[in-house]
N, C-alpha and C. Protein backbone atom coordinates (compact mmCIF):
# COMPACT_ATOMS: atom_id res chain seq x y z
N MET A 1 129.46 81.03 72.65
CA MET A 1 130.29 79.91 73.10
C MET A 1 130.50 80.01 74.61
N SER A 2 130.23 78.92 75.31
CA SER A 2 130.41 78.91 76.76
C SER A 2 131.89 78.76 77.10
N VAL A 3 132.27 79.37 78.19
CA VAL A 3 133.66 79.30 78.65
C VAL A 3 133.71 78.44 79.90
N ALA A 4 134.60 77.47 79.92
CA ALA A 4 134.71 76.58 81.06
C ALA A 4 135.16 77.36 82.30
N VAL A 5 134.48 77.12 83.39
CA VAL A 5 134.81 77.79 84.64
C VAL A 5 135.86 76.94 85.38
N PRO A 6 136.97 77.54 85.77
CA PRO A 6 138.01 76.78 86.48
C PRO A 6 137.46 76.13 87.74
N VAL A 7 137.89 74.94 88.02
CA VAL A 7 137.43 74.24 89.21
C VAL A 7 138.08 74.83 90.46
N ASP A 8 137.28 75.08 91.48
CA ASP A 8 137.80 75.57 92.75
C ASP A 8 138.17 74.35 93.59
N TYR A 9 139.39 73.89 93.43
CA TYR A 9 139.82 72.68 94.12
C TYR A 9 139.73 72.82 95.64
N GLU A 10 140.01 74.02 96.15
CA GLU A 10 140.04 74.22 97.60
C GLU A 10 138.67 74.01 98.24
N SER A 11 137.61 74.15 97.47
CA SER A 11 136.26 74.00 98.01
C SER A 11 135.79 72.55 98.04
N LEU A 12 136.55 71.66 97.42
CA LEU A 12 136.15 70.25 97.34
C LEU A 12 136.66 69.49 98.56
N ASN A 13 135.83 68.54 99.04
CA ASN A 13 136.32 67.69 100.12
C ASN A 13 137.23 66.63 99.52
N ALA A 14 137.82 65.79 100.36
CA ALA A 14 138.83 64.85 99.89
C ALA A 14 138.31 63.89 98.83
N GLU A 15 137.13 63.32 99.07
CA GLU A 15 136.56 62.37 98.12
C GLU A 15 136.20 63.06 96.81
N GLN A 16 135.63 64.26 96.90
CA GLN A 16 135.29 65.02 95.69
C GLN A 16 136.53 65.38 94.89
N LEU A 17 137.57 65.79 95.58
CA LEU A 17 138.80 66.18 94.89
C LEU A 17 139.43 64.99 94.19
N ALA A 18 139.45 63.84 94.86
CA ALA A 18 140.01 62.64 94.23
C ALA A 18 139.24 62.31 92.96
N GLY A 19 137.92 62.35 93.04
CA GLY A 19 137.10 62.06 91.87
C GLY A 19 137.33 63.06 90.75
N GLN A 20 137.46 64.34 91.12
CA GLN A 20 137.69 65.39 90.13
C GLN A 20 139.02 65.19 89.41
N ILE A 21 140.06 64.88 90.17
CA ILE A 21 141.39 64.71 89.57
C ILE A 21 141.42 63.50 88.64
N PHE A 22 140.85 62.38 89.08
CA PHE A 22 140.85 61.20 88.23
C PHE A 22 140.02 61.42 86.96
N SER A 23 138.97 62.23 87.06
CA SER A 23 138.15 62.54 85.88
C SER A 23 138.86 63.53 84.97
N GLU A 24 139.41 64.57 85.56
CA GLU A 24 140.07 65.63 84.78
C GLU A 24 141.35 65.13 84.10
N TYR A 25 142.03 64.20 84.76
CA TYR A 25 143.29 63.69 84.22
C TYR A 25 143.18 62.20 83.91
N ALA A 26 142.04 61.82 83.38
CA ALA A 26 141.82 60.43 82.99
C ALA A 26 142.87 60.01 81.98
N GLY A 27 143.48 58.87 82.20
CA GLY A 27 144.51 58.38 81.29
C GLY A 27 145.91 58.83 81.64
N VAL A 28 146.02 59.78 82.58
CA VAL A 28 147.34 60.24 83.02
C VAL A 28 147.79 59.33 84.16
N PRO A 29 148.95 58.71 84.06
CA PRO A 29 149.42 57.82 85.13
C PRO A 29 149.52 58.55 86.47
N ALA A 30 148.99 57.91 87.51
CA ALA A 30 148.98 58.53 88.83
C ALA A 30 149.70 57.64 89.84
N CYS A 31 150.28 58.28 90.85
CA CYS A 31 150.94 57.54 91.92
C CYS A 31 150.65 58.21 93.25
N PHE A 32 150.97 57.51 94.32
CA PHE A 32 150.79 58.03 95.67
C PHE A 32 152.02 57.65 96.49
N THR A 33 152.68 58.64 97.09
CA THR A 33 153.82 58.35 97.95
C THR A 33 153.30 58.08 99.36
N CYS A 34 153.65 56.93 99.90
CA CYS A 34 153.02 56.44 101.13
C CYS A 34 154.05 56.03 102.17
N SER A 35 153.96 56.62 103.36
CA SER A 35 154.83 56.26 104.47
C SER A 35 154.15 55.27 105.40
N PHE A 36 152.86 54.99 105.12
CA PHE A 36 152.03 54.10 105.93
C PHE A 36 151.69 54.67 107.30
N GLN A 37 151.82 56.00 107.45
CA GLN A 37 151.29 56.69 108.61
C GLN A 37 149.78 56.88 108.40
N THR A 38 149.07 57.27 109.45
CA THR A 38 147.61 57.26 109.39
C THR A 38 147.03 58.15 108.30
N GLU A 39 147.55 59.36 108.12
CA GLU A 39 146.99 60.21 107.07
C GLU A 39 147.18 59.59 105.69
N ASP A 40 148.31 58.91 105.50
CA ASP A 40 148.54 58.25 104.22
C ASP A 40 147.57 57.10 104.00
N MET A 41 147.24 56.39 105.07
CA MET A 41 146.29 55.29 104.94
C MET A 41 144.89 55.80 104.63
N VAL A 42 144.56 56.97 105.16
CA VAL A 42 143.26 57.59 104.84
C VAL A 42 143.22 57.96 103.35
N VAL A 43 144.27 58.63 102.88
CA VAL A 43 144.32 58.99 101.45
C VAL A 43 144.25 57.73 100.59
N LEU A 44 145.00 56.73 100.96
CA LEU A 44 145.03 55.50 100.19
C LEU A 44 143.66 54.82 100.15
N ASP A 45 142.94 54.88 101.26
CA ASP A 45 141.59 54.31 101.31
C ASP A 45 140.68 55.02 100.32
N ILE A 46 140.82 56.33 100.24
CA ILE A 46 140.01 57.12 99.31
C ILE A 46 140.40 56.82 97.86
N LEU A 47 141.69 56.79 97.59
CA LEU A 47 142.17 56.59 96.22
C LEU A 47 141.82 55.22 95.67
N ARG A 48 142.00 54.19 96.47
CA ARG A 48 141.83 52.84 95.95
C ARG A 48 140.37 52.50 95.67
N LYS A 49 139.45 53.28 96.22
CA LYS A 49 138.03 53.10 95.90
C LYS A 49 137.73 53.55 94.48
N ILE A 50 138.59 54.43 93.96
CA ILE A 50 138.41 54.94 92.60
C ILE A 50 139.37 54.24 91.64
N GLN A 51 140.62 54.09 92.05
CA GLN A 51 141.64 53.46 91.22
C GLN A 51 142.42 52.45 92.06
N PRO A 52 141.89 51.24 92.20
CA PRO A 52 142.50 50.23 93.08
C PRO A 52 143.94 49.90 92.73
N GLU A 53 144.31 50.06 91.47
CA GLU A 53 145.65 49.67 91.04
C GLU A 53 146.66 50.82 91.09
N ILE A 54 146.30 51.95 91.69
CA ILE A 54 147.22 53.09 91.72
C ILE A 54 148.57 52.68 92.30
N ALA A 55 149.63 53.19 91.71
CA ALA A 55 150.99 52.89 92.18
C ALA A 55 151.21 53.52 93.55
N VAL A 56 151.64 52.71 94.51
CA VAL A 56 151.91 53.16 95.87
C VAL A 56 153.42 53.11 96.09
N ILE A 57 154.04 54.28 96.15
CA ILE A 57 155.50 54.37 96.24
C ILE A 57 155.93 54.51 97.70
N PHE A 58 156.75 53.56 98.13
CA PHE A 58 157.29 53.57 99.50
C PHE A 58 158.79 53.79 99.41
N LEU A 59 159.29 54.78 100.13
CA LEU A 59 160.73 55.08 100.11
C LEU A 59 161.46 54.10 101.01
N GLU A 60 162.02 53.08 100.42
CA GLU A 60 162.68 52.00 101.14
C GLU A 60 164.12 52.39 101.44
N THR A 61 164.30 53.12 102.53
CA THR A 61 165.61 53.66 102.88
C THR A 61 166.53 52.62 103.51
N GLY A 62 165.94 51.55 104.04
CA GLY A 62 166.72 50.57 104.77
C GLY A 62 166.84 50.88 106.25
N TYR A 63 166.23 51.99 106.67
CA TYR A 63 166.36 52.44 108.06
C TYR A 63 165.02 52.52 108.80
N HIS A 64 163.96 51.98 108.23
CA HIS A 64 162.66 52.09 108.88
C HIS A 64 162.55 51.20 110.12
N PHE A 65 161.61 51.53 110.98
CA PHE A 65 161.30 50.69 112.14
C PHE A 65 160.82 49.32 111.67
N ALA A 66 161.11 48.30 112.46
CA ALA A 66 160.59 46.96 112.15
C ALA A 66 159.07 46.99 112.11
N GLU A 67 158.46 47.78 112.98
CA GLU A 67 157.00 47.90 113.00
C GLU A 67 156.45 48.48 111.70
N THR A 68 157.19 49.41 111.12
CA THR A 68 156.75 50.01 109.85
C THR A 68 156.76 48.97 108.74
N TYR A 69 157.84 48.20 108.66
CA TYR A 69 157.92 47.18 107.62
C TYR A 69 156.81 46.14 107.79
N ALA A 70 156.57 45.73 109.02
CA ALA A 70 155.54 44.71 109.27
C ALA A 70 154.16 45.24 108.91
N TYR A 71 153.89 46.49 109.27
CA TYR A 71 152.60 47.10 108.97
C TYR A 71 152.43 47.30 107.46
N ARG A 72 153.51 47.75 106.81
CA ARG A 72 153.46 47.89 105.34
C ARG A 72 153.07 46.57 104.70
N ASP A 73 153.75 45.51 105.06
CA ASP A 73 153.47 44.20 104.46
C ASP A 73 152.06 43.72 104.78
N GLN A 74 151.61 44.00 105.99
CA GLN A 74 150.25 43.63 106.39
C GLN A 74 149.21 44.31 105.50
N MET A 75 149.37 45.63 105.29
CA MET A 75 148.38 46.39 104.53
C MET A 75 148.48 46.13 103.03
N VAL A 76 149.69 45.88 102.54
CA VAL A 76 149.84 45.51 101.12
C VAL A 76 149.06 44.24 100.83
N ALA A 77 149.15 43.28 101.72
CA ALA A 77 148.43 42.02 101.54
C ALA A 77 146.93 42.20 101.72
N ALA A 78 146.53 42.94 102.76
CA ALA A 78 145.11 43.11 103.07
C ALA A 78 144.39 43.91 101.99
N TRP A 79 145.05 44.91 101.44
CA TRP A 79 144.41 45.78 100.45
C TRP A 79 144.86 45.50 99.02
N ASN A 80 145.69 44.49 98.85
CA ASN A 80 146.16 44.11 97.51
C ASN A 80 146.76 45.32 96.79
N LEU A 81 147.69 45.98 97.45
CA LEU A 81 148.25 47.22 96.92
C LEU A 81 149.29 46.97 95.84
N ASN A 82 149.36 47.93 94.92
CA ASN A 82 150.38 47.92 93.87
C ASN A 82 151.60 48.66 94.40
N LEU A 83 152.36 47.99 95.26
CA LEU A 83 153.48 48.62 95.96
C LEU A 83 154.72 48.70 95.09
N ILE A 84 155.35 49.87 95.11
CA ILE A 84 156.64 50.08 94.46
C ILE A 84 157.62 50.56 95.53
N ASN A 85 158.63 49.78 95.82
CA ASN A 85 159.66 50.18 96.77
C ASN A 85 160.72 50.99 96.04
N ALA A 86 160.81 52.27 96.37
CA ALA A 86 161.80 53.15 95.75
C ALA A 86 163.12 52.97 96.49
N LEU A 87 164.09 52.38 95.81
CA LEU A 87 165.35 52.01 96.44
C LEU A 87 166.48 52.98 96.10
N PRO A 88 167.34 53.29 97.07
CA PRO A 88 168.55 54.07 96.77
C PRO A 88 169.55 53.21 96.02
N GLU A 89 170.59 53.82 95.50
CA GLU A 89 171.58 53.08 94.71
C GLU A 89 172.32 52.05 95.56
N ASP A 90 172.60 52.37 96.81
CA ASP A 90 173.35 51.47 97.68
C ASP A 90 172.44 50.84 98.73
N THR A 91 172.72 49.60 99.10
CA THR A 91 172.05 49.00 100.24
C THR A 91 172.51 49.74 101.50
N ARG A 92 171.86 49.47 102.61
CA ARG A 92 172.27 50.10 103.86
C ARG A 92 173.73 49.74 104.19
N ALA A 93 174.08 48.48 104.02
CA ALA A 93 175.45 48.05 104.33
C ALA A 93 176.46 48.75 103.44
N GLU A 94 176.18 48.84 102.14
CA GLU A 94 177.08 49.53 101.20
C GLU A 94 177.18 51.01 101.54
N HIS A 95 176.03 51.60 101.85
CA HIS A 95 175.97 53.01 102.20
C HIS A 95 176.86 53.32 103.40
N GLU A 96 176.75 52.48 104.45
CA GLU A 96 177.51 52.73 105.67
C GLU A 96 178.99 52.40 105.48
N ALA A 97 179.29 51.45 104.62
CA ALA A 97 180.69 51.13 104.34
C ALA A 97 181.38 52.31 103.66
N LYS A 98 180.65 53.01 102.81
CA LYS A 98 181.22 54.15 102.09
C LYS A 98 181.22 55.43 102.91
N ARG A 99 180.14 55.64 103.71
CA ARG A 99 179.93 56.95 104.31
C ARG A 99 179.82 56.94 105.83
N GLY A 100 179.86 55.77 106.43
CA GLY A 100 179.68 55.69 107.88
C GLY A 100 178.23 55.98 108.23
N LEU A 101 178.01 56.51 109.42
CA LEU A 101 176.65 56.83 109.87
C LEU A 101 176.29 58.24 109.41
N LEU A 102 176.03 58.35 108.13
CA LEU A 102 175.77 59.65 107.51
C LEU A 102 174.55 60.32 108.11
N HIS A 103 173.58 59.53 108.56
CA HIS A 103 172.37 60.12 109.14
C HIS A 103 172.67 60.91 110.41
N ILE A 104 173.81 60.63 111.03
CA ILE A 104 174.23 61.39 112.22
C ILE A 104 175.10 62.57 111.82
N VAL A 105 176.05 62.31 110.93
CA VAL A 105 177.01 63.34 110.52
C VAL A 105 176.37 64.40 109.64
N ASN A 106 175.56 63.95 108.67
CA ASN A 106 174.94 64.88 107.72
C ASN A 106 173.58 64.32 107.31
N PRO A 107 172.55 64.48 108.16
CA PRO A 107 171.25 63.90 107.86
C PRO A 107 170.62 64.41 106.57
N THR A 108 170.90 65.64 106.21
CA THR A 108 170.33 66.18 104.97
C THR A 108 170.85 65.42 103.76
N GLU A 109 172.17 65.15 103.74
CA GLU A 109 172.74 64.41 102.62
C GLU A 109 172.26 62.97 102.63
N CYS A 110 172.08 62.39 103.81
CA CYS A 110 171.54 61.03 103.90
C CYS A 110 170.15 60.98 103.29
N CYS A 111 169.32 61.96 103.63
CA CYS A 111 167.97 62.03 103.05
C CYS A 111 168.02 62.22 101.54
N ASN A 112 168.97 63.03 101.08
CA ASN A 112 169.09 63.24 99.64
C ASN A 112 169.37 61.93 98.91
N LEU A 113 170.27 61.14 99.48
CA LEU A 113 170.69 59.90 98.83
C LEU A 113 169.65 58.79 98.94
N ARG A 114 168.97 58.71 100.08
CA ARG A 114 168.12 57.55 100.34
C ARG A 114 166.63 57.84 100.22
N LYS A 115 166.27 59.12 100.08
CA LYS A 115 164.86 59.49 99.91
C LYS A 115 164.62 60.33 98.67
N VAL A 116 165.25 61.49 98.64
CA VAL A 116 164.95 62.45 97.57
C VAL A 116 165.30 61.89 96.19
N GLY A 117 166.52 61.43 96.03
CA GLY A 117 166.94 60.89 94.73
C GLY A 117 166.06 59.76 94.24
N PRO A 118 165.84 58.73 95.08
CA PRO A 118 164.97 57.62 94.66
C PRO A 118 163.55 58.06 94.33
N LEU A 119 163.02 59.03 95.09
CA LEU A 119 161.66 59.48 94.80
C LEU A 119 161.59 60.21 93.47
N MET A 120 162.52 61.14 93.23
CA MET A 120 162.48 61.90 91.98
C MET A 120 162.56 60.96 90.78
N LYS A 121 163.35 59.91 90.90
CA LYS A 121 163.45 58.92 89.82
C LYS A 121 162.14 58.15 89.69
N SER A 122 161.52 57.81 90.81
CA SER A 122 160.29 57.03 90.80
C SER A 122 159.11 57.82 90.24
N LEU A 123 159.15 59.14 90.34
CA LEU A 123 158.05 59.97 89.85
C LEU A 123 158.04 60.13 88.34
N GLU A 124 159.13 59.79 87.69
CA GLU A 124 159.27 60.02 86.25
C GLU A 124 158.11 59.50 85.39
N PRO A 125 157.56 58.30 85.66
CA PRO A 125 156.50 57.80 84.77
C PRO A 125 155.14 58.43 85.00
N TYR A 126 155.00 59.31 85.99
CA TYR A 126 153.67 59.76 86.40
C TYR A 126 153.43 61.24 86.12
N GLY A 127 152.16 61.56 85.90
CA GLY A 127 151.77 62.95 85.68
C GLY A 127 150.96 63.51 86.83
N VAL A 128 150.47 62.63 87.70
CA VAL A 128 149.71 63.03 88.89
C VAL A 128 150.33 62.36 90.11
N TRP A 129 150.60 63.17 91.13
CA TRP A 129 151.28 62.69 92.33
C TRP A 129 150.44 63.05 93.55
N PHE A 130 149.84 62.04 94.17
CA PHE A 130 149.04 62.25 95.38
C PHE A 130 149.95 62.14 96.61
N THR A 131 149.66 62.96 97.63
CA THR A 131 150.42 62.92 98.88
C THR A 131 149.44 62.95 100.06
N GLY A 132 149.98 62.68 101.25
CA GLY A 132 149.18 62.76 102.47
C GLY A 132 149.51 64.01 103.29
N LEU A 133 150.08 65.02 102.65
CA LEU A 133 150.47 66.24 103.36
C LEU A 133 149.26 66.99 103.91
N ARG A 134 149.46 67.60 105.09
CA ARG A 134 148.44 68.42 105.71
C ARG A 134 149.07 69.72 106.21
N ARG A 135 148.33 70.81 106.15
CA ARG A 135 148.86 72.10 106.60
C ARG A 135 149.19 72.09 108.08
N GLU A 136 148.42 71.35 108.84
CA GLU A 136 148.59 71.31 110.28
C GLU A 136 149.87 70.62 110.72
N GLN A 137 150.46 69.81 109.86
CA GLN A 137 151.60 68.97 110.24
C GLN A 137 152.83 69.76 110.68
N SER A 138 153.06 70.90 110.05
CA SER A 138 154.32 71.59 110.28
C SER A 138 154.23 73.03 109.77
N PRO A 139 154.98 73.95 110.35
CA PRO A 139 155.03 75.32 109.81
C PRO A 139 155.47 75.35 108.35
N THR A 140 156.28 74.37 107.94
CA THR A 140 156.76 74.34 106.56
C THR A 140 155.65 73.96 105.58
N ARG A 141 154.51 73.52 106.09
CA ARG A 141 153.42 73.08 105.23
C ARG A 141 152.17 73.96 105.36
N ALA A 142 152.30 75.05 106.08
CA ALA A 142 151.15 75.91 106.39
C ALA A 142 150.48 76.50 105.15
N ASN A 143 151.22 76.74 104.10
CA ASN A 143 150.67 77.36 102.89
C ASN A 143 150.38 76.35 101.77
N LEU A 144 150.34 75.08 102.13
CA LEU A 144 150.09 74.02 101.16
C LEU A 144 148.75 74.20 100.45
N LYS A 145 148.74 74.04 99.13
CA LYS A 145 147.52 74.05 98.34
C LYS A 145 147.11 72.61 98.03
N LYS A 146 145.83 72.39 97.86
CA LYS A 146 145.36 71.04 97.56
C LYS A 146 145.87 70.55 96.21
N VAL A 147 146.00 71.45 95.27
CA VAL A 147 146.51 71.10 93.94
C VAL A 147 147.61 72.08 93.56
N GLU A 148 148.79 71.56 93.26
CA GLU A 148 149.92 72.39 92.89
C GLU A 148 150.61 71.82 91.66
N ASP A 149 151.20 72.71 90.88
CA ASP A 149 152.03 72.29 89.74
C ASP A 149 153.47 72.22 90.21
N HIS A 150 154.11 71.06 89.97
CA HIS A 150 155.49 70.89 90.42
C HIS A 150 156.38 70.46 89.26
N ARG A 151 157.67 70.78 89.42
CA ARG A 151 158.69 70.34 88.47
C ARG A 151 159.85 69.75 89.28
N THR A 152 160.25 68.53 88.93
CA THR A 152 161.36 67.91 89.63
C THR A 152 162.68 68.52 89.14
N PRO A 153 163.77 68.29 89.85
CA PRO A 153 165.05 68.89 89.45
C PRO A 153 165.48 68.57 88.02
N ASN A 154 165.02 67.42 87.49
CA ASN A 154 165.41 67.08 86.11
C ASN A 154 164.40 67.57 85.08
N GLY A 155 163.43 68.38 85.52
CA GLY A 155 162.51 69.02 84.59
C GLY A 155 161.18 68.32 84.38
N HIS A 156 160.95 67.20 85.05
CA HIS A 156 159.68 66.49 84.90
C HIS A 156 158.56 67.25 85.60
N GLU A 157 157.46 67.53 84.88
CA GLU A 157 156.36 68.30 85.43
C GLU A 157 155.19 67.38 85.77
N LEU A 158 154.53 67.68 86.88
CA LEU A 158 153.39 66.87 87.31
C LEU A 158 152.52 67.65 88.27
N LYS A 159 151.28 67.18 88.42
CA LYS A 159 150.34 67.75 89.37
C LYS A 159 150.55 67.07 90.72
N LYS A 160 150.66 67.88 91.77
CA LYS A 160 150.84 67.34 93.12
C LYS A 160 149.55 67.60 93.89
N ILE A 161 148.92 66.53 94.35
CA ILE A 161 147.60 66.61 94.96
C ILE A 161 147.66 66.21 96.43
N SER A 162 147.22 67.09 97.30
CA SER A 162 147.18 66.80 98.74
C SER A 162 145.72 66.82 99.19
N LEU A 163 145.09 65.65 99.17
CA LEU A 163 143.66 65.55 99.46
C LEU A 163 143.29 66.04 100.85
N LEU A 164 144.21 65.87 101.80
CA LEU A 164 143.91 66.19 103.20
C LEU A 164 144.54 67.50 103.65
N ALA A 165 144.85 68.37 102.72
CA ALA A 165 145.57 69.61 103.06
C ALA A 165 144.90 70.38 104.20
N ASP A 166 143.58 70.42 104.22
CA ASP A 166 142.86 71.22 105.21
C ASP A 166 142.33 70.39 106.39
N TRP A 167 142.77 69.13 106.52
CA TRP A 167 142.30 68.28 107.63
C TRP A 167 143.17 68.47 108.86
N ASN A 168 142.54 68.31 110.04
CA ASN A 168 143.31 68.25 111.27
C ASN A 168 143.44 66.80 111.71
N TRP A 169 144.25 66.58 112.75
CA TRP A 169 144.53 65.21 113.18
C TRP A 169 143.27 64.50 113.66
N GLU A 170 142.37 65.24 114.29
CA GLU A 170 141.13 64.64 114.76
C GLU A 170 140.30 64.10 113.60
N GLN A 171 140.27 64.81 112.50
CA GLN A 171 139.55 64.33 111.31
C GLN A 171 140.21 63.08 110.75
N VAL A 172 141.53 63.07 110.74
CA VAL A 172 142.27 61.91 110.23
C VAL A 172 141.95 60.66 111.04
N THR A 173 142.07 60.77 112.36
CA THR A 173 141.84 59.59 113.20
C THR A 173 140.37 59.18 113.21
N ALA A 174 139.48 60.15 113.08
CA ALA A 174 138.05 59.82 113.04
C ALA A 174 137.73 59.03 111.78
N TYR A 175 138.30 59.43 110.65
CA TYR A 175 138.08 58.70 109.40
C TYR A 175 138.64 57.28 109.51
N ALA A 176 139.85 57.17 110.03
CA ALA A 176 140.48 55.86 110.14
C ALA A 176 139.65 54.93 111.02
N LYS A 177 139.12 55.47 112.10
CA LYS A 177 138.30 54.65 113.00
C LYS A 177 136.99 54.25 112.33
N ALA A 178 136.36 55.21 111.65
CA ALA A 178 135.07 54.94 111.00
C ALA A 178 135.20 53.92 109.88
N HIS A 179 136.37 53.86 109.25
CA HIS A 179 136.58 52.95 108.12
C HIS A 179 137.42 51.73 108.50
N ASN A 180 137.59 51.54 109.80
CA ASN A 180 138.27 50.34 110.31
C ASN A 180 139.68 50.15 109.73
N ILE A 181 140.42 51.24 109.64
CA ILE A 181 141.79 51.17 109.16
C ILE A 181 142.71 50.89 110.34
N PRO A 182 143.44 49.79 110.31
CA PRO A 182 144.35 49.48 111.41
C PRO A 182 145.42 50.57 111.56
N GLU A 183 145.90 50.74 112.77
CA GLU A 183 146.88 51.79 113.04
C GLU A 183 148.29 51.22 113.14
N LEU A 184 149.24 51.92 112.58
CA LEU A 184 150.65 51.57 112.74
C LEU A 184 150.96 51.54 114.23
N PRO A 185 151.45 50.44 114.77
CA PRO A 185 151.62 50.28 116.22
C PRO A 185 152.50 51.33 116.90
N LEU A 186 153.35 52.01 116.16
CA LEU A 186 154.24 53.00 116.76
C LEU A 186 153.49 54.17 117.38
N TYR A 187 152.27 54.46 116.90
CA TYR A 187 151.50 55.55 117.50
C TYR A 187 151.18 55.25 118.96
N ALA A 188 150.90 53.99 119.27
CA ALA A 188 150.57 53.61 120.63
C ALA A 188 151.75 53.80 121.58
N LYS A 189 152.96 53.88 121.01
CA LYS A 189 154.17 54.10 121.82
C LYS A 189 154.46 55.58 122.02
N GLY A 190 153.65 56.46 121.40
CA GLY A 190 153.81 57.89 121.60
C GLY A 190 154.37 58.66 120.42
N TYR A 191 154.73 57.98 119.35
CA TYR A 191 155.24 58.67 118.17
C TYR A 191 154.10 59.38 117.45
N THR A 192 154.38 60.58 116.94
CA THR A 192 153.37 61.35 116.22
C THR A 192 153.73 61.61 114.77
N SER A 193 154.99 61.43 114.43
CA SER A 193 155.46 61.55 113.05
C SER A 193 156.57 60.52 112.88
N ILE A 194 156.42 59.64 111.91
CA ILE A 194 157.27 58.45 111.87
C ILE A 194 158.02 58.34 110.55
N GLY A 195 159.34 58.29 110.64
CA GLY A 195 160.18 58.11 109.47
C GLY A 195 161.20 57.03 109.72
N CYS A 196 162.45 57.28 109.35
CA CYS A 196 163.51 56.32 109.60
C CYS A 196 163.77 56.23 111.11
N GLU A 197 164.04 55.02 111.58
CA GLU A 197 164.18 54.81 113.02
C GLU A 197 165.27 55.65 113.68
N PRO A 198 166.50 55.75 113.10
CA PRO A 198 167.55 56.52 113.78
C PRO A 198 167.23 58.01 113.90
N CYS A 199 166.35 58.51 113.03
CA CYS A 199 166.08 59.94 112.98
C CYS A 199 164.68 60.30 113.48
N THR A 200 164.03 59.38 114.18
CA THR A 200 162.68 59.61 114.68
C THR A 200 162.64 59.41 116.18
N ALA A 201 162.15 60.43 116.89
CA ALA A 201 161.95 60.35 118.33
C ALA A 201 160.52 60.80 118.64
N ILE A 202 160.11 60.58 119.86
CA ILE A 202 158.80 61.06 120.29
C ILE A 202 158.88 62.57 120.48
N SER A 203 157.96 63.30 119.86
CA SER A 203 157.99 64.77 119.91
C SER A 203 157.77 65.28 121.33
N SER A 204 158.55 66.27 121.72
CA SER A 204 158.39 66.91 123.02
C SER A 204 157.52 68.16 122.93
N ASP A 205 157.09 68.49 121.71
CA ASP A 205 156.27 69.69 121.47
C ASP A 205 154.87 69.26 121.07
N PRO A 206 153.87 69.43 121.93
CA PRO A 206 152.51 69.01 121.60
C PRO A 206 151.90 69.77 120.44
N ASN A 207 152.51 70.90 120.09
CA ASN A 207 151.99 71.71 118.99
C ASN A 207 152.69 71.44 117.66
N ASN A 208 153.66 70.54 117.67
CA ASN A 208 154.41 70.24 116.45
C ASN A 208 154.69 68.75 116.41
N ALA A 209 153.87 68.03 115.66
CA ALA A 209 154.00 66.57 115.60
C ALA A 209 155.33 66.13 115.02
N ARG A 210 155.95 66.98 114.20
CA ARG A 210 157.19 66.61 113.53
C ARG A 210 158.44 67.06 114.28
N ALA A 211 158.28 67.59 115.49
CA ALA A 211 159.43 68.09 116.24
C ALA A 211 160.37 66.97 116.68
N GLY A 212 159.90 65.73 116.64
CA GLY A 212 160.74 64.62 117.01
C GLY A 212 161.58 64.06 115.88
N ARG A 213 161.46 64.65 114.71
CA ARG A 213 162.22 64.17 113.56
C ARG A 213 163.58 64.85 113.51
N TRP A 214 164.61 64.08 113.18
CA TRP A 214 165.98 64.58 113.02
C TRP A 214 166.47 65.36 114.23
N GLY A 215 166.10 64.90 115.41
CA GLY A 215 166.55 65.55 116.64
C GLY A 215 166.11 66.99 116.75
N GLY A 216 165.04 67.36 116.03
CA GLY A 216 164.54 68.72 116.06
C GLY A 216 165.36 69.70 115.24
N LYS A 217 166.37 69.18 114.50
CA LYS A 217 167.25 70.06 113.73
C LYS A 217 166.64 70.51 112.41
N LYS A 218 165.65 69.75 111.92
CA LYS A 218 164.97 70.14 110.70
C LYS A 218 163.59 69.49 110.70
N LEU A 219 162.71 69.93 109.79
CA LEU A 219 161.34 69.44 109.76
C LEU A 219 161.01 68.66 108.50
N GLU A 220 161.87 68.75 107.48
CA GLU A 220 161.59 68.10 106.20
C GLU A 220 162.79 67.28 105.75
N CYS A 221 162.51 66.12 105.15
CA CYS A 221 163.61 65.32 104.61
C CYS A 221 164.05 65.86 103.25
N GLY A 222 163.14 66.55 102.57
CA GLY A 222 163.49 67.13 101.27
C GLY A 222 162.63 66.66 100.12
N ILE A 223 161.88 65.58 100.30
CA ILE A 223 161.11 65.06 99.17
C ILE A 223 159.99 66.00 98.78
N HIS A 224 159.58 66.88 99.69
CA HIS A 224 158.52 67.84 99.36
C HIS A 224 159.05 69.25 99.20
N THR A 225 160.37 69.40 99.16
CA THR A 225 160.95 70.71 98.95
C THR A 225 161.89 70.75 97.75
N PHE A 226 162.31 69.57 97.27
CA PHE A 226 163.24 69.53 96.15
C PHE A 226 162.53 69.72 94.81
N SER A 227 161.24 69.35 94.76
CA SER A 227 160.50 69.63 93.53
C SER A 227 160.09 71.10 93.57
N GLU A 228 160.15 71.75 92.45
CA GLU A 228 159.89 73.18 92.38
C GLU A 228 158.41 73.44 92.13
N LYS A 229 157.79 74.23 93.02
CA LYS A 229 156.38 74.58 92.84
C LYS A 229 156.26 75.65 91.77
N GLN A 230 155.41 75.42 90.80
CA GLN A 230 155.29 76.36 89.68
C GLN A 230 154.29 77.48 89.98
């Protein structure tokens, strides 16, 4: 009797890995969390060639740049995306009426309420979770694996797939250019990592694209640290 040889996911390129995951987990609902930054658009371009209807989850915090919203709507229409806006319990106005400018006073709690909680809830129907994470992005992501087993705080287990884990920024931009993917206009203004407008600045550290997030006080909002890696 032959014994199946485990797949070496790390040896597969992005397109091969996407194909392998969709084949290996055929019938398992899959989603992709998308901020509409360039690496996410590259992943999305790869995914939609295999599964055009894949759920695209956008964390609708109510605090994004106007440019981000406009670009999101542009690409949803152009690519006919199956967009799911993950909403927090309170609108921005309700949130600020109850808590004031929480993103200034306690940005971690603000992220918990407007990003982490909505995402964990949105992941419930899915068994495969694609991301645009890359090791180069931040010291907190240096040990990222292309395929990881994760469990959310409420016990939901799923495969977390980072197709571009081993890509550098030059590879990302080269792919986007070669495949005619429009760029979020904020990059032209000097931003290198883009999230909510009040908590995003232009990075002063050329070696850390995410140094402009949260005034340099932290590097992660929590959506990639609250799920437990198995």
